[in-house]
Amino acid sequence: MIDIDTLLAWGGVYKKVSAGEVIFREGAVCTFYHQLVEGKVKWVNINDEGKEFIQTFIEPGECFGEFPLFDDEPYAAGAIADSDSVIIRISKFTFHQILKDNPELHFEFSKLLTQRLRFKFLILKELANHNPEGSISSLLGYFKEHKKNICTKCNRLQLTRQQIADMTGLRVETVIRTMKNMQHKGHLQINKGKVYC
């Protein structure tokens, strides 16, 4: 979201995180703006039984955990490194100063927040329909349209069936069965366990 050189000029600091490392927890107080430089981060809620609900996956160049930067509430979800990653972060105060000095960035964040809200509306609508095929189809369609989690060269889905289950609230067995049905209908291809959209 913000140019790396700009972040560094404002005192941004790189931080390496290992796969599985918690970057921040749901409900914690926000003190930093985070932007992914390398790797992959999942933005996730975890219930009392330890089940994850993945809100989204963050790719290099994207920020995450930005809600409290604007409303001063605690983090709505936690962030966990899905692979060894590098993030750059700046203090919340410095982030606000950057926005004040660069109003065009404020519009970019408004656009990002709107896109993320639209994605949540899409997911909630599908969850309310209790239609696994519709939920998975909508999710894959969104990813394809926005060039996320799908290889742009070969159209291979870059998420596991478990991750799809964790994003839709479905059981992994339901995701597997539904994707096989979708393959039989010609809506996707499965080759040696890999899914192509």
N, C-alpha and C. Protein backbone atom coordinates (compact mmCIF):
# COMPACT_ATOMS: atom_id res chain seq x y z
N MET A 1 0.82 -1.20 0.00
CA MET A 1 0.00 0.00 0.00
C MET A 1 0.86 1.26 0.00
N ILE A 2 1.87 1.30 0.86
CA ILE A 2 2.75 2.47 0.93
C ILE A 2 4.11 2.05 0.38
N ASP A 3 4.68 2.91 -0.44
CA ASP A 3 5.99 2.63 -1.03
C ASP A 3 7.01 2.33 0.07
N ILE A 4 7.81 1.30 -0.13
CA ILE A 4 8.79 0.87 0.88
C ILE A 4 9.76 2.01 1.22
N ASP A 5 10.22 2.73 0.20
CA ASP A 5 11.16 3.83 0.46
C ASP A 5 10.53 4.89 1.35
N THR A 6 9.24 5.14 1.15
CA THR A 6 8.53 6.10 2.01
C THR A 6 8.48 5.59 3.44
N LEU A 7 8.16 4.31 3.61
CA LEU A 7 8.11 3.74 4.95
C LEU A 7 9.48 3.82 5.63
N LEU A 8 10.53 3.49 4.89
CA LEU A 8 11.88 3.55 5.46
C LEU A 8 12.27 4.98 5.81
N ALA A 9 11.90 5.92 4.95
CA ALA A 9 12.21 7.34 5.22
C ALA A 9 11.51 7.83 6.48
N TRP A 10 10.37 7.26 6.80
CA TRP A 10 9.62 7.64 7.99
C TRP A 10 9.97 6.76 9.21
N GLY A 11 11.03 5.99 9.10
CA GLY A 11 11.49 5.18 10.24
C GLY A 11 10.96 3.76 10.26
N GLY A 12 10.45 3.28 9.13
CA GLY A 12 9.96 1.91 9.06
C GLY A 12 11.06 0.91 9.38
N VAL A 13 10.69 -0.19 10.01
CA VAL A 13 11.65 -1.22 10.43
C VAL A 13 11.19 -2.56 9.88
N TYR A 14 12.14 -3.31 9.30
CA TYR A 14 11.85 -4.66 8.83
C TYR A 14 11.81 -5.61 10.03
N LYS A 15 10.96 -6.60 9.93
CA LYS A 15 10.89 -7.64 10.95
C LYS A 15 10.70 -8.98 10.26
N LYS A 16 11.56 -9.95 10.57
CA LYS A 16 11.41 -11.30 10.04
C LYS A 16 10.54 -12.11 10.99
N VAL A 17 9.63 -12.88 10.42
CA VAL A 17 8.78 -13.76 11.22
C VAL A 17 8.81 -15.16 10.61
N SER A 18 8.80 -16.15 11.45
CA SER A 18 8.84 -17.54 10.99
C SER A 18 7.43 -18.05 10.75
N ALA A 19 7.31 -19.07 9.89
CA ALA A 19 6.02 -19.70 9.63
C ALA A 19 5.39 -20.11 10.96
N GLY A 20 4.12 -19.76 11.14
CA GLY A 20 3.40 -20.10 12.36
C GLY A 20 3.53 -19.08 13.48
N GLU A 21 4.40 -18.09 13.31
CA GLU A 21 4.59 -17.08 14.35
C GLU A 21 3.43 -16.08 14.35
N VAL A 22 2.96 -15.77 15.54
CA VAL A 22 1.88 -14.79 15.70
C VAL A 22 2.48 -13.39 15.62
N ILE A 23 1.93 -12.58 14.72
CA ILE A 23 2.39 -11.20 14.55
C ILE A 23 1.63 -10.29 15.52
N PHE A 24 0.33 -10.48 15.60
CA PHE A 24 -0.50 -9.85 16.63
C PHE A 24 -1.73 -10.71 16.83
N ARG A 25 -2.35 -10.57 18.00
CA ARG A 25 -3.51 -11.37 18.37
C ARG A 25 -4.80 -10.56 18.30
N GLU A 26 -5.88 -11.27 18.00
CA GLU A 26 -7.21 -10.66 18.05
C GLU A 26 -7.43 -10.09 19.44
N GLY A 27 -7.96 -8.86 19.49
CA GLY A 27 -8.25 -8.22 20.77
C GLY A 27 -7.10 -7.42 21.35
N ALA A 28 -5.91 -7.53 20.77
CA ALA A 28 -4.75 -6.77 21.26
C ALA A 28 -4.85 -5.31 20.83
N VAL A 29 -4.14 -4.46 21.52
CA VAL A 29 -4.07 -3.04 21.19
C VAL A 29 -3.13 -2.86 20.00
N CYS A 30 -3.54 -2.04 19.07
CA CYS A 30 -2.74 -1.78 17.86
C CYS A 30 -1.75 -0.66 18.12
N THR A 31 -0.48 -0.91 17.82
CA THR A 31 0.54 0.13 17.95
C THR A 31 1.32 0.35 16.65
N PHE A 32 1.12 -0.54 15.64
CA PHE A 32 1.89 -0.45 14.40
C PHE A 32 1.02 -0.61 13.16
N TYR A 33 1.47 -0.01 12.09
CA TYR A 33 1.01 -0.31 10.73
C TYR A 33 1.92 -1.42 10.23
N HIS A 34 1.33 -2.48 9.64
CA HIS A 34 2.09 -3.62 9.12
C HIS A 34 1.90 -3.75 7.62
N GLN A 35 2.98 -4.02 6.91
CA GLN A 35 2.91 -4.26 5.46
C GLN A 35 3.83 -5.44 5.15
N LEU A 36 3.31 -6.38 4.37
CA LEU A 36 4.07 -7.57 4.04
C LEU A 36 5.03 -7.28 2.89
N VAL A 37 6.29 -7.67 3.07
CA VAL A 37 7.32 -7.49 2.05
C VAL A 37 7.57 -8.80 1.32
N GLU A 38 7.73 -9.89 2.08
CA GLU A 38 7.95 -11.23 1.51
C GLU A 38 7.15 -12.24 2.32
N GLY A 39 6.75 -13.33 1.64
CA GLY A 39 6.07 -14.42 2.32
C GLY A 39 4.56 -14.33 2.20
N LYS A 40 3.88 -14.87 3.21
CA LYS A 40 2.42 -14.92 3.21
C LYS A 40 1.93 -14.89 4.66
N VAL A 41 0.89 -14.11 4.90
CA VAL A 41 0.32 -13.97 6.24
C VAL A 41 -1.16 -14.26 6.16
N LYS A 42 -1.67 -14.98 7.16
CA LYS A 42 -3.12 -15.17 7.22
C LYS A 42 -3.69 -14.31 8.34
N TRP A 43 -4.81 -13.68 8.01
CA TRP A 43 -5.55 -12.84 8.94
C TRP A 43 -6.67 -13.73 9.43
N VAL A 44 -6.73 -14.03 10.72
CA VAL A 44 -7.53 -15.14 11.19
C VAL A 44 -8.19 -14.87 12.54
N ASN A 45 -9.38 -15.44 12.71
CA ASN A 45 -10.03 -15.51 14.02
C ASN A 45 -9.94 -16.95 14.48
N ILE A 46 -9.75 -17.15 15.77
CA ILE A 46 -9.65 -18.50 16.34
C ILE A 46 -10.67 -18.61 17.46
N ASN A 47 -11.53 -19.65 17.35
CA ASN A 47 -12.56 -19.79 18.39
C ASN A 47 -12.01 -20.48 19.64
N ASP A 48 -12.85 -20.68 20.65
CA ASP A 48 -12.42 -21.25 21.92
C ASP A 48 -11.90 -22.67 21.79
N GLU A 49 -12.34 -23.39 20.75
CA GLU A 49 -11.86 -24.76 20.53
C GLU A 49 -10.58 -24.79 19.68
N GLY A 50 -10.10 -23.63 19.27
CA GLY A 50 -8.87 -23.56 18.48
C GLY A 50 -9.09 -23.64 16.98
N LYS A 51 -10.36 -23.66 16.53
CA LYS A 51 -10.64 -23.71 15.09
C LYS A 51 -10.42 -22.33 14.48
N GLU A 52 -9.71 -22.34 13.35
CA GLU A 52 -9.42 -21.09 12.66
C GLU A 52 -10.51 -20.75 11.65
N PHE A 53 -10.82 -19.46 11.57
CA PHE A 53 -11.62 -18.94 10.46
C PHE A 53 -10.73 -17.91 9.79
N ILE A 54 -10.27 -18.25 8.58
CA ILE A 54 -9.35 -17.37 7.86
C ILE A 54 -10.15 -16.26 7.19
N GLN A 55 -9.86 -15.03 7.59
CA GLN A 55 -10.51 -13.88 6.98
C GLN A 55 -9.97 -13.66 5.57
N THR A 56 -8.66 -13.69 5.43
CA THR A 56 -8.03 -13.56 4.12
C THR A 56 -6.55 -13.88 4.24
N PHE A 57 -5.92 -14.06 3.10
CA PHE A 57 -4.47 -14.21 3.04
C PHE A 57 -3.87 -12.92 2.51
N ILE A 58 -2.80 -12.50 3.12
CA ILE A 58 -2.11 -11.28 2.74
C ILE A 58 -0.90 -11.66 1.89
N GLU A 59 -0.74 -10.95 0.77
CA GLU A 59 0.36 -11.20 -0.15
C GLU A 59 1.33 -10.03 -0.10
N PRO A 60 2.57 -10.22 -0.56
CA PRO A 60 3.55 -9.14 -0.53
C PRO A 60 3.01 -7.85 -1.16
N GLY A 61 3.29 -6.75 -0.49
CA GLY A 61 2.83 -5.44 -0.93
C GLY A 61 1.54 -5.01 -0.27
N GLU A 62 0.85 -5.94 0.41
CA GLU A 62 -0.42 -5.61 1.06
C GLU A 62 -0.20 -5.32 2.55
N CYS A 63 -1.06 -4.46 3.08
CA CYS A 63 -1.05 -4.19 4.52
C CYS A 63 -2.06 -5.10 5.19
N PHE A 64 -1.98 -5.18 6.51
CA PHE A 64 -2.94 -5.98 7.26
C PHE A 64 -3.07 -5.43 8.67
N GLY A 65 -4.24 -5.67 9.26
CA GLY A 65 -4.49 -5.21 10.62
C GLY A 65 -4.72 -3.72 10.70
N GLU A 66 -5.24 -3.14 9.61
CA GLU A 66 -5.34 -1.67 9.55
C GLU A 66 -6.57 -1.10 10.24
N PHE A 67 -7.59 -1.89 10.55
CA PHE A 67 -8.82 -1.34 11.13
C PHE A 67 -8.55 -0.49 12.38
N PRO A 68 -7.78 -0.99 13.36
CA PRO A 68 -7.57 -0.19 14.58
C PRO A 68 -6.78 1.10 14.34
N LEU A 69 -6.11 1.18 13.21
CA LEU A 69 -5.39 2.42 12.90
C LEU A 69 -6.37 3.56 12.66
N PHE A 70 -7.60 3.19 12.28
CA PHE A 70 -8.61 4.20 11.95
C PHE A 70 -9.66 4.37 13.05
N ASP A 71 -9.94 3.31 13.83
CA ASP A 71 -11.02 3.44 14.82
C ASP A 71 -10.56 3.28 16.27
N ASP A 72 -9.27 3.07 16.50
CA ASP A 72 -8.71 2.95 17.85
C ASP A 72 -9.30 1.81 18.67
N GLU A 73 -9.95 0.87 18.02
CA GLU A 73 -10.45 -0.33 18.70
C GLU A 73 -9.35 -1.41 18.65
N PRO A 74 -9.50 -2.51 19.38
CA PRO A 74 -8.51 -3.59 19.32
C PRO A 74 -8.57 -4.30 17.96
N TYR A 75 -7.57 -5.13 17.70
CA TYR A 75 -7.54 -5.91 16.47
C TYR A 75 -8.78 -6.81 16.39
N ALA A 76 -9.44 -6.81 15.23
CA ALA A 76 -10.64 -7.62 15.01
C ALA A 76 -10.28 -9.06 14.69
N ALA A 77 -9.04 -9.31 14.29
CA ALA A 77 -8.55 -10.65 13.97
C ALA A 77 -7.05 -10.66 14.24
N GLY A 78 -6.50 -11.85 14.37
CA GLY A 78 -5.07 -11.98 14.56
C GLY A 78 -4.36 -12.15 13.23
N ALA A 79 -3.05 -12.02 13.25
CA ALA A 79 -2.23 -12.23 12.05
C ALA A 79 -1.15 -13.25 12.39
N ILE A 80 -1.06 -14.28 11.54
CA ILE A 80 -0.09 -15.35 11.73
C ILE A 80 0.66 -15.55 10.42
N ALA A 81 1.99 -15.65 10.50
CA ALA A 81 2.79 -15.91 9.30
C ALA A 81 2.44 -17.29 8.78
N ASP A 82 2.03 -17.38 7.52
CA ASP A 82 1.70 -18.66 6.91
C ASP A 82 2.97 -19.32 6.35
N SER A 83 3.98 -18.52 6.10
CA SER A 83 5.29 -18.99 5.67
C SER A 83 6.32 -18.04 6.26
N ASP A 84 7.60 -18.38 6.19
CA ASP A 84 8.62 -17.44 6.64
C ASP A 84 8.41 -16.14 5.88
N SER A 85 8.35 -15.03 6.60
CA SER A 85 7.96 -13.77 5.99
C SER A 85 8.79 -12.61 6.51
N VAL A 86 8.74 -11.53 5.76
CA VAL A 86 9.34 -10.27 6.19
C VAL A 86 8.25 -9.21 6.11
N ILE A 87 8.10 -8.47 7.21
CA ILE A 87 7.14 -7.37 7.23
C ILE A 87 7.92 -6.08 7.49
N ILE A 88 7.31 -4.98 7.14
CA ILE A 88 7.84 -3.68 7.53
C ILE A 88 6.75 -3.01 8.32
N ARG A 89 7.13 -2.33 9.39
CA ARG A 89 6.13 -1.70 10.22
C ARG A 89 6.60 -0.33 10.68
N ILE A 90 5.62 0.52 10.94
CA ILE A 90 5.87 1.84 11.49
C ILE A 90 4.86 2.07 12.61
N SER A 91 5.15 3.01 13.47
CA SER A 91 4.24 3.28 14.58
C SER A 91 2.92 3.84 14.07
N LYS A 92 1.90 3.64 14.85
CA LYS A 92 0.57 4.15 14.52
C LYS A 92 0.60 5.67 14.34
N PHE A 93 1.31 6.37 15.23
CA PHE A 93 1.42 7.82 15.13
C PHE A 93 2.07 8.23 13.81
N THR A 94 3.15 7.55 13.44
CA THR A 94 3.84 7.87 12.18
C THR A 94 2.95 7.59 10.99
N PHE A 95 2.18 6.50 11.04
CA PHE A 95 1.23 6.19 9.97
C PHE A 95 0.26 7.35 9.78
N HIS A 96 -0.27 7.88 10.87
CA HIS A 96 -1.20 9.00 10.77
C HIS A 96 -0.53 10.24 10.17
N GLN A 97 0.73 10.45 10.52
CA GLN A 97 1.47 11.59 9.96
C GLN A 97 1.66 11.42 8.45
N ILE A 98 1.96 10.21 8.01
CA ILE A 98 2.12 9.95 6.57
C ILE A 98 0.82 10.26 5.84
N LEU A 99 -0.30 9.83 6.39
CA LEU A 99 -1.59 10.10 5.76
C LEU A 99 -1.89 11.60 5.71
N LYS A 100 -1.54 12.32 6.77
CA LYS A 100 -1.77 13.76 6.78
C LYS A 100 -0.93 14.47 5.70
N ASP A 101 0.30 13.98 5.52
CA ASP A 101 1.19 14.59 4.53
C ASP A 101 0.93 14.11 3.11
N ASN A 102 0.22 12.99 2.97
CA ASN A 102 -0.05 12.39 1.65
C ASN A 102 -1.52 12.02 1.56
N PRO A 103 -2.41 13.00 1.35
CA PRO A 103 -3.85 12.71 1.36
C PRO A 103 -4.27 11.69 0.31
N GLU A 104 -3.51 11.55 -0.78
CA GLU A 104 -3.88 10.56 -1.79
C GLU A 104 -3.79 9.14 -1.23
N LEU A 105 -2.91 8.93 -0.26
CA LEU A 105 -2.83 7.62 0.39
C LEU A 105 -4.08 7.33 1.20
N HIS A 106 -4.67 8.36 1.76
CA HIS A 106 -5.91 8.16 2.53
C HIS A 106 -7.01 7.61 1.62
N PHE A 107 -7.09 8.13 0.39
CA PHE A 107 -8.06 7.62 -0.56
C PHE A 107 -7.77 6.17 -0.93
N GLU A 108 -6.49 5.83 -1.04
CA GLU A 108 -6.12 4.44 -1.34
C GLU A 108 -6.57 3.51 -0.21
N PHE A 109 -6.41 3.96 1.02
CA PHE A 109 -6.85 3.13 2.15
C PHE A 109 -8.37 3.03 2.20
N SER A 110 -9.06 4.10 1.84
CA SER A 110 -10.53 4.04 1.77
C SER A 110 -10.96 3.01 0.74
N LYS A 111 -10.27 2.99 -0.40
CA LYS A 111 -10.58 2.02 -1.45
C LYS A 111 -10.30 0.60 -0.97
N LEU A 112 -9.17 0.40 -0.30
CA LEU A 112 -8.81 -0.92 0.22
C LEU A 112 -9.85 -1.40 1.23
N LEU A 113 -10.22 -0.55 2.17
CA LEU A 113 -11.20 -0.94 3.17
C LEU A 113 -12.54 -1.29 2.53
N THR A 114 -12.92 -0.55 1.50
CA THR A 114 -14.17 -0.84 0.78
C THR A 114 -14.08 -2.19 0.08
N GLN A 115 -12.94 -2.49 -0.55
CA GLN A 115 -12.77 -3.78 -1.22
C GLN A 115 -12.85 -4.93 -0.22
N ARG A 116 -12.22 -4.76 0.92
CA ARG A 116 -12.24 -5.81 1.93
C ARG A 116 -13.64 -5.98 2.51
N LEU A 117 -14.38 -4.88 2.64
CA LEU A 117 -15.77 -4.96 3.11
C LEU A 117 -16.65 -5.67 2.08
N ARG A 118 -16.46 -5.38 0.79
CA ARG A 118 -17.22 -6.07 -0.26
C ARG A 118 -16.96 -7.57 -0.23
N PHE A 119 -15.70 -7.96 0.00
CA PHE A 119 -15.35 -9.38 0.09
C PHE A 119 -16.10 -10.03 1.26
N LYS A 120 -16.18 -9.34 2.39
CA LYS A 120 -16.90 -9.88 3.54
C LYS A 120 -18.39 -10.02 3.25
N PHE A 121 -18.98 -9.04 2.54
CA PHE A 121 -20.39 -9.14 2.15
C PHE A 121 -20.60 -10.38 1.28
N LEU A 122 -19.70 -10.61 0.33
CA LEU A 122 -19.78 -11.77 -0.55
C LEU A 122 -19.76 -13.07 0.27
N ILE A 123 -18.81 -13.19 1.16
CA ILE A 123 -18.67 -14.41 1.97
C ILE A 123 -19.89 -14.59 2.88
N LEU A 124 -20.33 -13.53 3.54
CA LEU A 124 -21.49 -13.65 4.43
C LEU A 124 -22.75 -14.04 3.68
N LYS A 125 -22.94 -13.48 2.50
CA LYS A 125 -24.11 -13.84 1.70
C LYS A 125 -24.10 -15.33 1.37
N GLU A 126 -22.94 -15.83 0.98
CA GLU A 126 -22.85 -17.25 0.63
C GLU A 126 -23.00 -18.15 1.85
N LEU A 127 -22.45 -17.74 2.98
CA LEU A 127 -22.60 -18.53 4.20
C LEU A 127 -24.07 -18.60 4.62
N ALA A 128 -24.80 -17.51 4.44
CA ALA A 128 -26.21 -17.48 4.81
C ALA A 128 -27.05 -18.39 3.92
N ASN A 129 -26.60 -18.65 2.70
CA ASN A 129 -27.34 -19.51 1.78
C ASN A 129 -27.17 -21.00 2.07
N HIS A 130 -26.19 -21.35 2.89
CA HIS A 130 -25.92 -22.75 3.24
C HIS A 130 -25.76 -23.62 1.99
N ASN A 131 -25.09 -23.08 0.99
CA ASN A 131 -24.88 -23.78 -0.27
C ASN A 131 -23.38 -23.90 -0.50
N PRO A 132 -22.77 -25.06 -0.17
CA PRO A 132 -21.32 -25.19 -0.29
C PRO A 132 -20.80 -24.87 -1.69
N GLU A 133 -21.49 -25.35 -2.73
CA GLU A 133 -21.00 -25.10 -4.09
C GLU A 133 -21.04 -23.61 -4.41
N GLY A 134 -22.09 -22.94 -3.99
CA GLY A 134 -22.18 -21.50 -4.20
C GLY A 134 -21.09 -20.75 -3.45
N SER A 135 -20.82 -21.16 -2.21
CA SER A 135 -19.78 -20.51 -1.41
C SER A 135 -18.41 -20.66 -2.06
N ILE A 136 -18.09 -21.88 -2.47
CA ILE A 136 -16.78 -22.13 -3.07
C ILE A 136 -16.68 -21.45 -4.43
N SER A 137 -17.73 -21.53 -5.23
CA SER A 137 -17.73 -20.87 -6.55
C SER A 137 -17.53 -19.37 -6.42
N SER A 138 -18.24 -18.76 -5.49
CA SER A 138 -18.11 -17.31 -5.29
C SER A 138 -16.71 -16.94 -4.83
N LEU A 139 -16.18 -17.72 -3.91
CA LEU A 139 -14.83 -17.46 -3.40
C LEU A 139 -13.79 -17.57 -4.52
N LEU A 140 -13.86 -18.65 -5.30
CA LEU A 140 -12.91 -18.84 -6.40
C LEU A 140 -13.08 -17.78 -7.47
N GLY A 141 -14.33 -17.40 -7.75
CA GLY A 141 -14.58 -16.34 -8.73
C GLY A 141 -13.99 -15.02 -8.29
N TYR A 142 -14.13 -14.72 -7.01
CA TYR A 142 -13.56 -13.49 -6.46
C TYR A 142 -12.03 -13.50 -6.60
N PHE A 143 -11.42 -14.64 -6.22
CA PHE A 143 -9.97 -14.74 -6.32
C PHE A 143 -9.49 -14.58 -7.76
N LYS A 144 -10.20 -15.20 -8.68
CA LYS A 144 -9.80 -15.12 -10.07
C LYS A 144 -9.92 -13.68 -10.59
N GLU A 145 -11.02 -13.04 -10.27
CA GLU A 145 -11.25 -11.66 -10.73
C GLU A 145 -10.22 -10.70 -10.16
N HIS A 146 -9.83 -10.91 -8.90
CA HIS A 146 -8.90 -10.01 -8.24
C HIS A 146 -7.45 -10.51 -8.26
N LYS A 147 -7.21 -11.60 -8.99
CA LYS A 147 -5.85 -12.14 -9.16
C LYS A 147 -5.17 -12.39 -7.81
N LYS A 148 -5.90 -13.08 -6.93
CA LYS A 148 -5.39 -13.44 -5.62
C LYS A 148 -5.53 -14.94 -5.43
N ASN A 149 -4.51 -15.54 -4.88
CA ASN A 149 -4.52 -16.96 -4.51
C ASN A 149 -4.71 -17.90 -5.70
N ILE A 150 -4.60 -17.38 -6.91
CA ILE A 150 -4.67 -18.20 -8.12
C ILE A 150 -3.52 -17.78 -9.02
N CYS A 151 -2.75 -18.75 -9.49
CA CYS A 151 -1.63 -18.46 -10.38
C CYS A 151 -2.16 -17.84 -11.67
N THR A 152 -1.65 -16.66 -12.01
CA THR A 152 -2.16 -15.96 -13.19
C THR A 152 -1.69 -16.62 -14.49
N LYS A 153 -0.65 -17.44 -14.42
CA LYS A 153 -0.15 -18.10 -15.64
C LYS A 153 -0.88 -19.40 -15.94
N CYS A 154 -1.15 -20.19 -14.88
CA CYS A 154 -1.72 -21.52 -15.13
C CYS A 154 -3.11 -21.72 -14.51
N ASN A 155 -3.63 -20.71 -13.78
CA ASN A 155 -4.94 -20.77 -13.12
C ASN A 155 -5.02 -21.81 -12.00
N ARG A 156 -3.86 -22.20 -11.43
CA ARG A 156 -3.87 -23.17 -10.33
C ARG A 156 -4.18 -22.46 -9.02
N LEU A 157 -5.12 -23.01 -8.28
CA LEU A 157 -5.48 -22.50 -6.96
C LEU A 157 -4.30 -22.68 -6.03
N GLN A 158 -3.93 -21.64 -5.32
CA GLN A 158 -2.76 -21.69 -4.44
C GLN A 158 -3.15 -21.82 -2.97
N LEU A 159 -4.33 -22.36 -2.73
CA LEU A 159 -4.80 -22.62 -1.38
C LEU A 159 -5.13 -24.10 -1.24
N THR A 160 -4.98 -24.62 -0.05
CA THR A 160 -5.35 -26.01 0.19
C THR A 160 -6.86 -26.10 0.42
N ARG A 161 -7.37 -27.31 0.36
CA ARG A 161 -8.79 -27.51 0.64
C ARG A 161 -9.10 -27.15 2.09
N GLN A 162 -8.15 -27.41 3.00
CA GLN A 162 -8.34 -27.02 4.39
C GLN A 162 -8.44 -25.50 4.52
N GLN A 163 -7.62 -24.77 3.79
CA GLN A 163 -7.68 -23.31 3.84
C GLN A 163 -9.00 -22.79 3.28
N ILE A 164 -9.50 -23.43 2.21
CA ILE A 164 -10.81 -23.05 1.66
C ILE A 164 -11.89 -23.30 2.73
N ALA A 165 -11.79 -24.44 3.41
CA ALA A 165 -12.75 -24.76 4.49
C ALA A 165 -12.68 -23.70 5.59
N ASP A 166 -11.46 -23.30 5.96
CA ASP A 166 -11.29 -22.31 7.02
C ASP A 166 -11.76 -20.92 6.61
N MET A 167 -11.85 -20.67 5.31
CA MET A 167 -12.34 -19.37 4.84
C MET A 167 -13.85 -19.34 4.67
N THR A 168 -14.46 -20.51 4.48
CA THR A 168 -15.90 -20.57 4.21
C THR A 168 -16.71 -21.09 5.39
N GLY A 169 -16.03 -21.61 6.41
CA GLY A 169 -16.74 -22.18 7.55
C GLY A 169 -17.27 -23.58 7.27
N LEU A 170 -16.85 -24.16 6.15
CA LEU A 170 -17.27 -25.52 5.79
C LEU A 170 -16.29 -26.53 6.38
N ARG A 171 -16.73 -27.77 6.46
CA ARG A 171 -15.82 -28.85 6.86
C ARG A 171 -14.96 -29.21 5.65
N VAL A 172 -13.73 -29.63 5.90
CA VAL A 172 -12.82 -29.95 4.79
C VAL A 172 -13.39 -31.08 3.93
N GLU A 173 -14.09 -32.03 4.55
CA GLU A 173 -14.70 -33.12 3.79
C GLU A 173 -15.75 -32.58 2.81
N THR A 174 -16.49 -31.58 3.26
CA THR A 174 -17.50 -30.95 2.40
C THR A 174 -16.84 -30.23 1.23
N VAL A 175 -15.73 -29.55 1.51
CA VAL A 175 -15.00 -28.85 0.44
C VAL A 175 -14.48 -29.85 -0.59
N ILE A 176 -13.91 -30.96 -0.14
CA ILE A 176 -13.38 -31.98 -1.05
C ILE A 176 -14.50 -32.54 -1.93
N ARG A 177 -15.60 -32.93 -1.29
CA ARG A 177 -16.74 -33.51 -2.01
C ARG A 177 -17.33 -32.50 -3.01
N THR A 178 -17.48 -31.26 -2.57
CA THR A 178 -18.06 -30.23 -3.42
C THR A 178 -17.16 -29.93 -4.61
N MET A 179 -15.86 -29.88 -4.39
CA MET A 179 -14.94 -29.60 -5.50
C MET A 179 -14.93 -30.75 -6.51
N LYS A 180 -15.09 -31.97 -6.04
CA LYS A 180 -15.19 -33.10 -6.98
C LYS A 180 -16.46 -32.97 -7.81
N ASN A 181 -17.57 -32.58 -7.18
CA ASN A 181 -18.81 -32.36 -7.92
C ASN A 181 -18.66 -31.23 -8.93
N MET A 182 -17.96 -30.18 -8.54
CA MET A 182 -17.72 -29.05 -9.45
C MET A 182 -16.85 -29.49 -10.63
N GLN A 183 -15.92 -30.40 -10.38
CA GLN A 183 -15.10 -30.93 -11.47
C GLN A 183 -15.97 -31.72 -12.45
N HIS A 184 -16.86 -32.55 -11.93
CA HIS A 184 -17.75 -33.33 -12.80
C HIS A 184 -18.66 -32.44 -13.64
N LYS A 185 -19.02 -31.28 -13.11
CA LYS A 185 -19.86 -30.34 -13.85
C LYS A 185 -19.05 -29.46 -14.81
N GLY A 186 -17.71 -29.58 -14.74
CA GLY A 186 -16.85 -28.80 -15.63
C GLY A 186 -16.57 -27.39 -15.13
N HIS A 187 -16.81 -27.12 -13.85
CA HIS A 187 -16.59 -25.78 -13.30
C HIS A 187 -15.15 -25.55 -12.88
N LEU A 188 -14.40 -26.62 -12.69
CA LEU A 188 -12.98 -26.54 -12.38
C LEU A 188 -12.33 -27.86 -12.75
N GLN A 189 -11.00 -27.88 -12.73
CA GLN A 189 -10.26 -29.09 -13.05
C GLN A 189 -9.41 -29.49 -11.86
N ILE A 190 -9.30 -30.79 -11.66
CA ILE A 190 -8.42 -31.31 -10.62
C ILE A 190 -7.48 -32.29 -11.30
N ASN A 191 -6.19 -32.04 -11.18
CA ASN A 191 -5.18 -32.87 -11.81
C ASN A 191 -4.09 -33.17 -10.79
N LYS A 192 -3.94 -34.44 -10.43
CA LYS A 192 -2.95 -34.88 -9.44
C LYS A 192 -3.09 -34.10 -8.14
N GLY A 193 -4.33 -33.89 -7.71
CA GLY A 193 -4.60 -33.21 -6.45
C GLY A 193 -4.57 -31.69 -6.53
N LYS A 194 -4.14 -31.14 -7.64
CA LYS A 194 -4.07 -29.69 -7.81
C LYS A 194 -5.34 -29.18 -8.47
N VAL A 195 -5.86 -28.06 -7.99
CA VAL A 195 -7.12 -27.51 -8.50
C VAL A 195 -6.81 -26.35 -9.44
N TYR A 196 -7.47 -26.38 -10.62
CA TYR A 196 -7.31 -25.32 -11.61
C TYR A 196 -8.68 -24.69 -11.87
N CYS A 197 -8.73 -23.37 -11.84
CA CYS A 197 -9.99 -22.64 -12.02
C CYS A 197 -10.19 -22.20 -13.45
